[in-house]
Amino acid sequence: MAAARNLPLPEVTHSIAIDASFSASPAGIVVGYGDTVNFTNNSGSDITVQFLSNSPGQALYPSMGLPVSNGSSAGFQVPSVDCAANYNIQVNGVVENSQPFVIQVGNGPMYVLITGTISDPDFEPGTVAVPLGNITTGLGMLQMKSQVPNIVFPLSWGSDPFNPGFSQSGPAQPVKTGTTPGEYSYSGTNSPRERAGGGRVIIQN
């Protein structure tokens, strides 16, 4: 009896629609290695899907900006490695959406980098989108990464959407099963400077 052949997995294409309010639907997705992401522009304007840096992770789309003419579609193949990126929708260089959208490949993760001092930390980006995901495609992942040697930053949340939860900076964690998409705010140690010492995570679906 002949051995079964190892057949390649079929290519998977994920479709994201951009509507007249410049919102992406779905707003947050988890995709597999080498999948294709295709944007359809129904906004009424020519747009650029502008990807944001997710250092120290690998770039999701190295060109960073993907033009999509009104009424048309454009896409790309994601890398075959764990990575992730937030993106926004721009018209003539102006950001049109009020919050970022997100694509994660495999286990991502999205990063928030923490710099400064234990008494005066900075969190960048101040707002980060993480996909909700699910147990089939994979859960959204976030890493709160300290950039200060030998310093772990304490964190507090009104409601922590991650499992087991970020009480301090550390390794990547998945979105908690059953989490409701929306905004979740956190804070670090007290700081006299506006926007320092905290930020927000938007769980997108």
N, C-alpha and C. Protein backbone atom coordinates (compact mmCIF):
# COMPACT_ATOMS: atom_id res chain seq x y z
N MET A 1 0.84 -1.19 0.00
CA MET A 1 0.00 0.00 0.00
C MET A 1 0.89 1.25 0.00
N ALA A 2 0.65 2.15 -0.92
CA ALA A 2 1.48 3.34 -1.06
C ALA A 2 1.25 4.30 0.10
N ALA A 3 2.34 4.95 0.51
CA ALA A 3 2.23 5.94 1.59
C ALA A 3 1.48 7.16 1.11
N ALA A 4 0.72 7.76 2.00
CA ALA A 4 -0.04 8.97 1.65
C ALA A 4 0.92 10.12 1.40
N ARG A 5 0.63 10.92 0.39
CA ARG A 5 1.46 12.08 0.08
C ARG A 5 1.13 13.24 1.01
N ASN A 6 2.16 14.02 1.33
CA ASN A 6 1.95 15.25 2.10
C ASN A 6 1.58 16.36 1.13
N LEU A 7 0.31 16.70 1.09
CA LEU A 7 -0.17 17.73 0.17
C LEU A 7 -0.03 19.11 0.81
N PRO A 8 0.30 20.14 0.03
CA PRO A 8 0.41 21.50 0.60
C PRO A 8 -0.95 21.99 1.06
N LEU A 9 -0.94 22.78 2.13
CA LEU A 9 -2.19 23.36 2.59
C LEU A 9 -2.68 24.39 1.57
N PRO A 10 -4.01 24.49 1.38
CA PRO A 10 -4.52 25.47 0.42
C PRO A 10 -4.25 26.89 0.89
N GLU A 11 -4.03 27.79 -0.05
CA GLU A 11 -3.83 29.19 0.30
C GLU A 11 -5.11 29.75 0.87
N VAL A 12 -5.01 30.52 1.94
CA VAL A 12 -6.16 31.13 2.58
C VAL A 12 -6.10 32.63 2.34
N THR A 13 -7.21 33.20 1.87
CA THR A 13 -7.31 34.64 1.65
C THR A 13 -8.28 35.24 2.66
N HIS A 14 -7.85 36.28 3.35
CA HIS A 14 -8.67 36.97 4.33
C HIS A 14 -9.07 38.32 3.73
N SER A 15 -10.35 38.60 3.68
CA SER A 15 -10.87 39.83 3.07
C SER A 15 -11.22 40.85 4.14
N ILE A 16 -10.75 42.08 3.94
CA ILE A 16 -11.04 43.19 4.83
C ILE A 16 -11.66 44.30 3.99
N ALA A 17 -12.85 44.75 4.39
CA ALA A 17 -13.56 45.81 3.66
C ALA A 17 -13.38 47.14 4.38
N ILE A 18 -13.13 48.20 3.62
CA ILE A 18 -13.02 49.56 4.15
C ILE A 18 -14.25 50.33 3.71
N ASP A 19 -15.05 50.82 4.69
CA ASP A 19 -16.33 51.43 4.35
C ASP A 19 -16.21 52.96 4.29
N ALA A 20 -17.36 53.63 4.14
CA ALA A 20 -17.38 55.08 3.96
C ALA A 20 -16.91 55.84 5.20
N SER A 21 -16.92 55.20 6.36
CA SER A 21 -16.40 55.85 7.57
C SER A 21 -14.92 55.51 7.79
N PHE A 22 -14.31 54.84 6.81
CA PHE A 22 -12.90 54.43 6.84
C PHE A 22 -12.62 53.43 7.97
N SER A 23 -13.64 52.64 8.30
CA SER A 23 -13.49 51.56 9.25
C SER A 23 -13.18 50.27 8.51
N ALA A 24 -12.37 49.41 9.14
CA ALA A 24 -12.02 48.12 8.57
C ALA A 24 -12.94 47.05 9.16
N SER A 25 -13.40 46.15 8.30
CA SER A 25 -14.24 45.05 8.77
C SER A 25 -13.79 43.75 8.11
N PRO A 26 -13.28 42.79 8.93
CA PRO A 26 -13.09 42.85 10.38
C PRO A 26 -11.95 43.78 10.78
N ALA A 27 -12.04 44.30 12.01
CA ALA A 27 -11.06 45.28 12.48
C ALA A 27 -9.81 44.63 13.05
N GLY A 28 -9.91 43.37 13.45
CA GLY A 28 -8.76 42.65 13.99
C GLY A 28 -8.83 41.19 13.61
N ILE A 29 -7.77 40.67 13.02
CA ILE A 29 -7.76 39.27 12.59
C ILE A 29 -6.44 38.60 12.95
N VAL A 30 -6.52 37.29 13.14
CA VAL A 30 -5.34 36.44 13.28
C VAL A 30 -5.29 35.54 12.06
N VAL A 31 -4.15 35.53 11.35
CA VAL A 31 -4.02 34.76 10.12
C VAL A 31 -2.87 33.78 10.25
N GLY A 32 -2.80 32.85 9.31
CA GLY A 32 -1.75 31.85 9.32
C GLY A 32 -0.55 32.26 8.49
N TYR A 33 0.56 31.54 8.67
CA TYR A 33 1.77 31.79 7.90
C TYR A 33 1.48 31.74 6.40
N GLY A 34 1.94 32.77 5.66
CA GLY A 34 1.82 32.78 4.22
C GLY A 34 0.45 33.05 3.67
N ASP A 35 -0.53 33.34 4.54
CA ASP A 35 -1.88 33.67 4.06
C ASP A 35 -1.86 34.98 3.29
N THR A 36 -2.91 35.22 2.53
CA THR A 36 -3.08 36.47 1.80
C THR A 36 -4.12 37.33 2.49
N VAL A 37 -3.83 38.63 2.63
CA VAL A 37 -4.78 39.60 3.16
C VAL A 37 -5.16 40.53 2.03
N ASN A 38 -6.46 40.67 1.78
CA ASN A 38 -6.95 41.46 0.65
C ASN A 38 -7.88 42.56 1.16
N PHE A 39 -7.57 43.82 0.82
CA PHE A 39 -8.38 44.97 1.20
C PHE A 39 -9.27 45.39 0.03
N THR A 40 -10.56 45.60 0.31
CA THR A 40 -11.49 46.14 -0.68
C THR A 40 -11.93 47.52 -0.22
N ASN A 41 -11.73 48.51 -1.08
CA ASN A 41 -11.98 49.90 -0.72
C ASN A 41 -13.35 50.35 -1.20
N ASN A 42 -14.28 50.45 -0.24
CA ASN A 42 -15.63 50.95 -0.54
C ASN A 42 -15.86 52.32 0.09
N SER A 43 -14.78 53.06 0.34
CA SER A 43 -14.88 54.30 1.11
C SER A 43 -15.38 55.50 0.31
N GLY A 44 -15.21 55.47 -0.98
CA GLY A 44 -15.52 56.63 -1.81
C GLY A 44 -14.30 57.48 -2.13
N SER A 45 -13.14 57.12 -1.56
CA SER A 45 -11.88 57.86 -1.80
C SER A 45 -10.75 56.87 -2.03
N ASP A 46 -9.73 57.31 -2.75
CA ASP A 46 -8.50 56.53 -2.83
C ASP A 46 -7.84 56.55 -1.45
N ILE A 47 -7.35 55.41 -0.99
CA ILE A 47 -6.80 55.32 0.36
C ILE A 47 -5.41 54.68 0.32
N THR A 48 -4.72 54.83 1.43
CA THR A 48 -3.51 54.06 1.70
C THR A 48 -3.69 53.34 3.03
N VAL A 49 -3.50 52.03 3.01
CA VAL A 49 -3.47 51.26 4.25
C VAL A 49 -2.05 51.41 4.78
N GLN A 50 -1.90 52.17 5.86
CA GLN A 50 -0.58 52.51 6.39
C GLN A 50 -0.27 51.67 7.62
N PHE A 51 0.72 50.79 7.50
CA PHE A 51 1.11 49.93 8.61
C PHE A 51 2.07 50.67 9.53
N LEU A 52 1.97 50.38 10.82
CA LEU A 52 2.78 51.05 11.84
C LEU A 52 3.86 50.11 12.34
N SER A 53 4.97 50.66 12.75
CA SER A 53 6.07 49.85 13.26
C SER A 53 5.64 49.09 14.51
N ASN A 54 6.12 47.85 14.62
CA ASN A 54 5.87 47.03 15.80
C ASN A 54 7.20 46.48 16.32
N SER A 55 8.12 47.39 16.57
CA SER A 55 9.45 47.01 17.05
C SER A 55 9.33 46.36 18.43
N PRO A 56 10.10 45.28 18.65
CA PRO A 56 11.18 44.70 17.85
C PRO A 56 10.74 43.58 16.92
N GLY A 57 9.45 43.47 16.65
CA GLY A 57 8.95 42.42 15.77
C GLY A 57 9.28 42.66 14.31
N GLN A 58 9.21 41.60 13.51
CA GLN A 58 9.42 41.71 12.07
C GLN A 58 8.27 42.47 11.43
N ALA A 59 8.56 43.22 10.37
CA ALA A 59 7.52 43.95 9.67
C ALA A 59 6.54 42.99 9.02
N LEU A 60 5.26 43.26 9.19
CA LEU A 60 4.21 42.47 8.55
C LEU A 60 4.20 42.70 7.04
N TYR A 61 4.32 43.98 6.65
CA TYR A 61 4.32 44.39 5.24
C TYR A 61 5.44 45.40 5.08
N PRO A 62 6.62 44.96 4.63
CA PRO A 62 7.81 45.82 4.64
C PRO A 62 7.64 47.15 3.90
N SER A 63 6.79 47.21 2.88
CA SER A 63 6.58 48.49 2.18
C SER A 63 5.84 49.49 3.03
N MET A 64 5.17 49.02 4.09
CA MET A 64 4.44 49.81 5.09
C MET A 64 3.18 50.46 4.56
N GLY A 65 3.18 51.02 3.35
CA GLY A 65 1.99 51.66 2.79
C GLY A 65 1.45 50.90 1.60
N LEU A 66 0.16 50.52 1.65
CA LEU A 66 -0.48 49.79 0.55
C LEU A 66 -1.59 50.66 -0.05
N PRO A 67 -1.38 51.23 -1.27
CA PRO A 67 -2.43 52.04 -1.90
C PRO A 67 -3.57 51.15 -2.40
N VAL A 68 -4.81 51.62 -2.18
CA VAL A 68 -5.98 50.91 -2.69
C VAL A 68 -6.93 51.95 -3.28
N SER A 69 -7.08 51.93 -4.58
CA SER A 69 -7.95 52.90 -5.24
C SER A 69 -9.40 52.66 -4.88
N ASN A 70 -10.19 53.72 -4.92
CA ASN A 70 -11.61 53.60 -4.61
C ASN A 70 -12.29 52.59 -5.54
N GLY A 71 -13.07 51.69 -4.96
CA GLY A 71 -13.81 50.70 -5.73
C GLY A 71 -12.99 49.52 -6.18
N SER A 72 -11.75 49.42 -5.71
CA SER A 72 -10.88 48.32 -6.13
C SER A 72 -10.38 47.56 -4.91
N SER A 73 -9.58 46.53 -5.18
CA SER A 73 -8.99 45.71 -4.12
C SER A 73 -7.49 45.60 -4.31
N ALA A 74 -6.77 45.42 -3.22
CA ALA A 74 -5.32 45.19 -3.27
C ALA A 74 -4.96 44.38 -2.04
N GLY A 75 -3.92 43.55 -2.18
CA GLY A 75 -3.54 42.72 -1.05
C GLY A 75 -2.09 42.32 -1.09
N PHE A 76 -1.71 41.45 -0.16
CA PHE A 76 -0.33 40.98 -0.05
C PHE A 76 -0.31 39.68 0.71
N GLN A 77 0.80 38.96 0.58
CA GLN A 77 1.00 37.72 1.31
C GLN A 77 1.79 38.01 2.58
N VAL A 78 1.29 37.56 3.72
CA VAL A 78 1.97 37.82 4.99
C VAL A 78 3.19 36.91 5.10
N PRO A 79 4.16 37.28 5.95
CA PRO A 79 5.34 36.43 6.13
C PRO A 79 4.99 35.10 6.79
N SER A 80 5.87 34.14 6.65
CA SER A 80 5.68 32.83 7.30
C SER A 80 6.43 32.79 8.63
N VAL A 81 6.23 33.83 9.41
CA VAL A 81 6.82 33.93 10.75
C VAL A 81 5.82 34.63 11.66
N ASP A 82 5.98 34.45 12.98
CA ASP A 82 5.14 35.17 13.93
C ASP A 82 5.45 36.66 13.84
N CYS A 83 4.41 37.48 13.65
CA CYS A 83 4.57 38.93 13.60
C CYS A 83 3.18 39.55 13.69
N ALA A 84 3.12 40.87 13.78
CA ALA A 84 1.84 41.57 13.89
C ALA A 84 2.06 43.03 13.56
N ALA A 85 0.97 43.73 13.25
CA ALA A 85 1.07 45.17 13.00
C ALA A 85 -0.29 45.83 13.17
N ASN A 86 -0.27 47.02 13.73
CA ASN A 86 -1.42 47.91 13.67
C ASN A 86 -1.35 48.66 12.34
N TYR A 87 -2.51 49.14 11.90
CA TYR A 87 -2.53 49.96 10.68
C TYR A 87 -3.67 50.96 10.78
N ASN A 88 -3.53 52.04 9.99
CA ASN A 88 -4.62 53.00 9.88
C ASN A 88 -4.93 53.25 8.42
N ILE A 89 -6.01 53.98 8.18
CA ILE A 89 -6.45 54.30 6.82
C ILE A 89 -6.20 55.78 6.58
N GLN A 90 -5.45 56.08 5.53
CA GLN A 90 -5.10 57.45 5.23
C GLN A 90 -5.63 57.86 3.86
N VAL A 91 -6.02 59.14 3.77
CA VAL A 91 -6.38 59.77 2.50
C VAL A 91 -5.48 60.99 2.35
N ASN A 92 -4.64 60.99 1.32
CA ASN A 92 -3.68 62.08 1.09
C ASN A 92 -2.83 62.35 2.33
N GLY A 93 -2.41 61.28 3.01
CA GLY A 93 -1.53 61.40 4.15
C GLY A 93 -2.21 61.73 5.46
N VAL A 94 -3.53 61.87 5.47
CA VAL A 94 -4.28 62.21 6.68
C VAL A 94 -4.97 60.94 7.20
N VAL A 95 -4.76 60.65 8.49
CA VAL A 95 -5.38 59.47 9.10
C VAL A 95 -6.88 59.72 9.26
N GLU A 96 -7.69 58.80 8.75
CA GLU A 96 -9.14 58.99 8.74
C GLU A 96 -9.86 58.20 9.83
N ASN A 97 -9.23 57.18 10.40
CA ASN A 97 -9.89 56.37 11.42
C ASN A 97 -9.49 56.84 12.82
N SER A 98 -10.38 56.67 13.80
CA SER A 98 -10.14 57.18 15.14
C SER A 98 -9.32 56.23 16.00
N GLN A 99 -9.18 54.98 15.58
CA GLN A 99 -8.40 54.01 16.34
C GLN A 99 -7.74 53.03 15.37
N PRO A 100 -6.62 52.44 15.77
CA PRO A 100 -5.92 51.53 14.85
C PRO A 100 -6.64 50.20 14.69
N PHE A 101 -6.37 49.55 13.57
CA PHE A 101 -6.82 48.19 13.30
C PHE A 101 -5.59 47.29 13.36
N VAL A 102 -5.80 45.95 13.30
CA VAL A 102 -4.66 45.07 13.57
C VAL A 102 -4.76 43.76 12.81
N ILE A 103 -3.59 43.30 12.34
CA ILE A 103 -3.43 41.97 11.74
C ILE A 103 -2.30 41.27 12.50
N GLN A 104 -2.56 40.05 12.93
CA GLN A 104 -1.54 39.24 13.61
C GLN A 104 -1.32 37.96 12.83
N VAL A 105 -0.06 37.61 12.63
CA VAL A 105 0.31 36.34 11.99
C VAL A 105 0.79 35.38 13.07
N GLY A 106 0.18 34.21 13.14
CA GLY A 106 0.57 33.23 14.14
C GLY A 106 0.40 33.78 15.54
N ASN A 107 1.48 33.74 16.32
CA ASN A 107 1.44 34.21 17.70
C ASN A 107 1.89 35.65 17.89
N GLY A 108 2.07 36.40 16.77
CA GLY A 108 2.45 37.81 16.90
C GLY A 108 3.78 37.96 17.63
N PRO A 109 3.85 38.75 18.69
CA PRO A 109 2.76 39.52 19.31
C PRO A 109 2.80 40.98 18.89
N MET A 110 1.78 41.75 19.31
CA MET A 110 1.90 43.20 19.34
C MET A 110 2.75 43.56 20.54
N TYR A 111 3.54 44.65 20.41
CA TYR A 111 4.41 45.08 21.51
C TYR A 111 4.00 46.45 22.03
N VAL A 112 4.09 46.62 23.35
CA VAL A 112 4.15 47.93 23.98
C VAL A 112 5.52 48.00 24.67
N LEU A 113 6.33 49.00 24.29
CA LEU A 113 7.67 49.15 24.85
C LEU A 113 7.63 50.18 25.97
N ILE A 114 8.27 49.85 27.09
CA ILE A 114 8.26 50.71 28.26
C ILE A 114 9.66 51.25 28.49
N THR A 115 9.78 52.57 28.49
CA THR A 115 11.07 53.23 28.70
C THR A 115 10.93 54.21 29.87
N GLY A 116 12.00 54.92 30.17
CA GLY A 116 11.98 55.90 31.25
C GLY A 116 12.53 55.32 32.52
N THR A 117 11.89 55.65 33.64
CA THR A 117 12.31 55.16 34.95
C THR A 117 11.14 54.53 35.66
N ILE A 118 11.41 53.83 36.75
CA ILE A 118 10.35 53.15 37.48
C ILE A 118 9.33 54.14 38.03
N SER A 119 9.75 55.38 38.30
CA SER A 119 8.83 56.40 38.82
C SER A 119 8.25 57.28 37.72
N ASP A 120 8.77 57.16 36.50
CA ASP A 120 8.33 58.04 35.40
C ASP A 120 8.42 57.29 34.08
N PRO A 121 7.56 56.27 33.88
CA PRO A 121 7.66 55.44 32.67
C PRO A 121 6.91 56.03 31.48
N ASP A 122 7.35 55.67 30.30
CA ASP A 122 6.65 55.97 29.06
C ASP A 122 6.26 54.67 28.39
N PHE A 123 5.04 54.61 27.87
CA PHE A 123 4.51 53.42 27.21
C PHE A 123 4.26 53.77 25.74
N GLU A 124 4.92 53.05 24.82
CA GLU A 124 4.77 53.33 23.40
C GLU A 124 4.48 52.04 22.62
N PRO A 125 3.44 52.05 21.78
CA PRO A 125 2.52 53.16 21.57
C PRO A 125 1.55 53.33 22.73
N GLY A 126 1.06 54.56 22.92
CA GLY A 126 0.11 54.82 23.98
C GLY A 126 -1.21 54.12 23.77
N THR A 127 -1.56 53.89 22.50
CA THR A 127 -2.74 53.10 22.14
C THR A 127 -2.31 51.99 21.21
N VAL A 128 -2.66 50.76 21.53
CA VAL A 128 -2.30 49.62 20.69
C VAL A 128 -3.53 48.74 20.49
N ALA A 129 -3.75 48.29 19.27
CA ALA A 129 -4.83 47.36 18.97
C ALA A 129 -4.30 45.94 18.96
N VAL A 130 -5.06 45.03 19.55
CA VAL A 130 -4.74 43.60 19.60
C VAL A 130 -5.96 42.84 19.13
N PRO A 131 -5.80 41.84 18.24
CA PRO A 131 -6.98 41.10 17.79
C PRO A 131 -7.55 40.23 18.89
N LEU A 132 -8.87 40.06 18.88
CA LEU A 132 -9.52 39.16 19.83
C LEU A 132 -9.07 37.72 19.56
N GLY A 133 -9.16 37.30 18.28
CA GLY A 133 -8.82 35.93 17.91
C GLY A 133 -9.78 34.92 18.51
N ASN A 134 -9.45 33.65 18.36
CA ASN A 134 -10.25 32.58 18.94
C ASN A 134 -9.39 31.33 19.02
N ILE A 135 -9.93 30.27 19.62
CA ILE A 135 -9.12 29.08 19.84
C ILE A 135 -8.83 28.34 18.53
N THR A 136 -9.59 28.64 17.47
CA THR A 136 -9.36 27.99 16.18
C THR A 136 -8.22 28.66 15.42
N THR A 137 -8.29 29.99 15.26
CA THR A 137 -7.27 30.72 14.50
C THR A 137 -6.07 31.08 15.37
N GLY A 138 -6.27 31.10 16.67
CA GLY A 138 -5.27 31.58 17.61
C GLY A 138 -5.75 32.85 18.27
N LEU A 139 -5.31 33.09 19.48
CA LEU A 139 -5.72 34.27 20.24
C LEU A 139 -4.78 35.44 19.99
N GLY A 140 -5.31 36.64 20.12
CA GLY A 140 -4.47 37.83 20.03
C GLY A 140 -3.44 37.82 21.13
N MET A 141 -2.25 38.36 20.84
CA MET A 141 -1.13 38.33 21.78
C MET A 141 -0.55 39.74 21.96
N LEU A 142 -0.17 40.05 23.20
CA LEU A 142 0.47 41.32 23.52
C LEU A 142 1.67 41.06 24.41
N GLN A 143 2.76 41.81 24.18
CA GLN A 143 3.89 41.78 25.10
C GLN A 143 4.15 43.19 25.61
N MET A 144 4.14 43.35 26.93
CA MET A 144 4.49 44.61 27.58
C MET A 144 5.96 44.50 27.96
N LYS A 145 6.82 45.06 27.13
CA LYS A 145 8.25 44.79 27.20
C LYS A 145 9.03 45.97 27.78
N SER A 146 9.69 45.74 28.90
CA SER A 146 10.55 46.76 29.49
C SER A 146 11.83 46.90 28.68
N GLN A 147 12.17 48.14 28.34
CA GLN A 147 13.41 48.45 27.63
C GLN A 147 14.50 48.91 28.59
N VAL A 148 14.19 48.93 29.88
CA VAL A 148 15.15 49.38 30.88
C VAL A 148 15.77 48.15 31.53
N PRO A 149 17.08 47.97 31.41
CA PRO A 149 17.72 46.77 31.96
C PRO A 149 17.42 46.57 33.45
N ASN A 150 17.04 45.34 33.78
CA ASN A 150 16.83 44.92 35.17
C ASN A 150 15.67 45.62 35.86
N ILE A 151 14.77 46.25 35.08
CA ILE A 151 13.61 46.91 35.67
C ILE A 151 12.33 46.23 35.17
N VAL A 152 11.48 45.81 36.11
CA VAL A 152 10.15 45.29 35.81
C VAL A 152 9.15 46.35 36.26
N PHE A 153 8.27 46.78 35.36
CA PHE A 153 7.33 47.85 35.67
C PHE A 153 6.00 47.28 36.15
N PRO A 154 5.51 47.72 37.32
CA PRO A 154 4.21 47.27 37.78
C PRO A 154 3.09 47.89 36.95
N LEU A 155 2.01 47.16 36.77
CA LEU A 155 0.88 47.62 35.96
C LEU A 155 -0.42 47.36 36.71
N SER A 156 -1.39 48.24 36.51
CA SER A 156 -2.72 48.00 37.07
C SER A 156 -3.78 48.31 36.02
N TRP A 157 -4.88 47.58 36.07
CA TRP A 157 -5.95 47.67 35.09
C TRP A 157 -7.29 47.84 35.80
N GLY A 158 -8.22 48.53 35.15
CA GLY A 158 -9.59 48.48 35.62
C GLY A 158 -10.14 47.08 35.38
N SER A 159 -9.86 46.53 34.20
CA SER A 159 -10.20 45.16 33.84
C SER A 159 -9.14 44.67 32.87
N ASP A 160 -8.40 43.65 33.27
CA ASP A 160 -7.29 43.14 32.47
C ASP A 160 -7.82 42.10 31.48
N PRO A 161 -7.70 42.36 30.15
CA PRO A 161 -8.25 41.43 29.16
C PRO A 161 -7.32 40.29 28.78
N PHE A 162 -6.21 40.11 29.51
CA PHE A 162 -5.24 39.08 29.15
C PHE A 162 -5.20 37.97 30.20
N ASN A 163 -4.64 36.84 29.79
CA ASN A 163 -4.60 35.66 30.65
C ASN A 163 -3.17 35.11 30.73
N PRO A 164 -2.56 35.06 31.93
CA PRO A 164 -3.16 35.25 33.26
C PRO A 164 -3.30 36.69 33.70
N GLY A 165 -2.78 37.64 32.93
CA GLY A 165 -2.95 39.05 33.27
C GLY A 165 -1.62 39.74 33.47
N PHE A 166 -1.58 41.03 33.10
CA PHE A 166 -0.35 41.82 33.21
C PHE A 166 -0.36 42.63 34.51
N SER A 167 0.12 42.04 35.58
CA SER A 167 0.34 42.81 36.80
C SER A 167 1.68 43.53 36.72
N GLN A 168 2.50 43.14 35.76
CA GLN A 168 3.80 43.78 35.53
C GLN A 168 4.25 43.47 34.11
N SER A 169 5.24 44.23 33.65
CA SER A 169 5.81 43.97 32.33
C SER A 169 6.42 42.58 32.30
N GLY A 170 6.43 41.97 31.10
CA GLY A 170 6.97 40.62 31.01
C GLY A 170 6.66 39.96 29.69
N PRO A 171 6.63 38.62 29.65
CA PRO A 171 6.45 37.88 28.41
C PRO A 171 5.08 38.12 27.77
N ALA A 172 4.96 37.74 26.50
CA ALA A 172 3.70 37.88 25.78
C ALA A 172 2.62 37.02 26.42
N GLN A 173 1.39 37.55 26.37
CA GLN A 173 0.24 36.83 26.92
C GLN A 173 -0.92 36.90 25.92
N PRO A 174 -1.79 35.87 25.92
CA PRO A 174 -2.95 35.87 25.02
C PRO A 174 -4.13 36.64 25.61
N VAL A 175 -5.00 37.09 24.73
CA VAL A 175 -6.27 37.66 25.16
C VAL A 175 -7.07 36.59 25.88
N LYS A 176 -7.70 36.97 26.96
CA LYS A 176 -8.48 36.04 27.77
C LYS A 176 -9.72 35.59 27.01
N THR A 177 -9.98 34.28 26.98
CA THR A 177 -11.17 33.75 26.33
C THR A 177 -12.41 34.38 26.95
N GLY A 178 -13.33 34.84 26.10
CA GLY A 178 -14.56 35.48 26.59
C GLY A 178 -14.46 36.98 26.73
N THR A 179 -13.29 37.56 26.43
CA THR A 179 -13.12 39.00 26.51
C THR A 179 -14.02 39.71 25.50
N THR A 180 -14.61 40.81 25.90
CA THR A 180 -15.45 41.62 25.03
C THR A 180 -14.58 42.62 24.27
N PRO A 181 -14.71 42.71 22.95
CA PRO A 181 -13.94 43.72 22.21
C PRO A 181 -14.23 45.12 22.76
N GLY A 182 -13.22 45.97 22.77
CA GLY A 182 -13.37 47.32 23.28
C GLY A 182 -12.07 47.84 23.85
N GLU A 183 -12.14 48.96 24.57
CA GLU A 183 -10.97 49.63 25.10
C GLU A 183 -10.72 49.24 26.56
N TYR A 184 -9.44 49.00 26.87
CA TYR A 184 -9.03 48.64 28.22
C TYR A 184 -7.84 49.52 28.60
N SER A 185 -7.99 50.26 29.69
CA SER A 185 -6.94 51.19 30.12
C SER A 185 -6.09 50.57 31.21
N TYR A 186 -4.83 50.93 31.23
CA TYR A 186 -3.91 50.47 32.27
C TYR A 186 -3.05 51.64 32.72
N SER A 187 -2.44 51.49 33.89
CA SER A 187 -1.52 52.51 34.37
C SER A 187 -0.30 51.85 34.99
N GLY A 188 0.80 52.57 34.96
CA GLY A 188 2.01 52.13 35.62
C GLY A 188 2.16 52.93 36.91
N THR A 189 3.38 53.29 37.25
CA THR A 189 3.60 54.11 38.44
C THR A 189 3.21 55.56 38.13
N ASN A 190 3.01 56.35 39.18
CA ASN A 190 2.57 57.73 38.99
C ASN A 190 3.61 58.54 38.25
N SER A 191 3.12 59.47 37.43
CA SER A 191 4.03 60.33 36.67
C SER A 191 3.46 61.73 36.60
N PRO A 192 4.31 62.75 36.69
CA PRO A 192 3.80 64.13 36.58
C PRO A 192 3.52 64.54 35.14
N ARG A 193 3.92 63.72 34.18
CA ARG A 193 3.79 64.13 32.78
C ARG A 193 2.52 63.53 32.16
N GLU A 194 1.83 64.33 31.39
CA GLU A 194 0.62 63.85 30.73
C GLU A 194 0.97 62.70 29.79
N ARG A 195 0.14 61.64 29.81
CA ARG A 195 0.23 60.45 28.97
C ARG A 195 1.33 59.50 29.41
N ALA A 196 2.26 59.93 30.27
CA ALA A 196 3.25 59.01 30.79
C ALA A 196 2.64 58.20 31.90
N GLY A 197 3.05 56.97 32.03
CA GLY A 197 2.57 56.15 33.12
C GLY A 197 1.33 55.34 32.82
N GLY A 198 0.94 55.26 31.55
CA GLY A 198 -0.23 54.44 31.22
C GLY A 198 -0.55 54.46 29.74
N GLY A 199 -1.62 53.79 29.38
CA GLY A 199 -2.05 53.73 28.00
C GLY A 199 -3.34 52.93 27.89
N ARG A 200 -3.66 52.54 26.67
CA ARG A 200 -4.87 51.76 26.46
C ARG A 200 -4.64 50.70 25.40
N VAL A 201 -5.35 49.60 25.58
CA VAL A 201 -5.34 48.49 24.63
C VAL A 201 -6.74 48.37 24.05
N ILE A 202 -6.84 48.31 22.72
CA ILE A 202 -8.13 48.13 22.07
C ILE A 202 -8.19 46.71 21.52
N ILE A 203 -9.09 45.90 22.04
CA ILE A 203 -9.30 44.55 21.54
C ILE A 203 -10.23 44.64 20.34
N GLN A 204 -9.72 44.29 19.17
CA GLN A 204 -10.46 44.41 17.92
C GLN A 204 -10.90 43.03 17.42
N ASN A 205 -12.09 43.01 16.80
CA ASN A 205 -12.63 41.77 16.26
C ASN A 205 -13.24 42.03 14.88
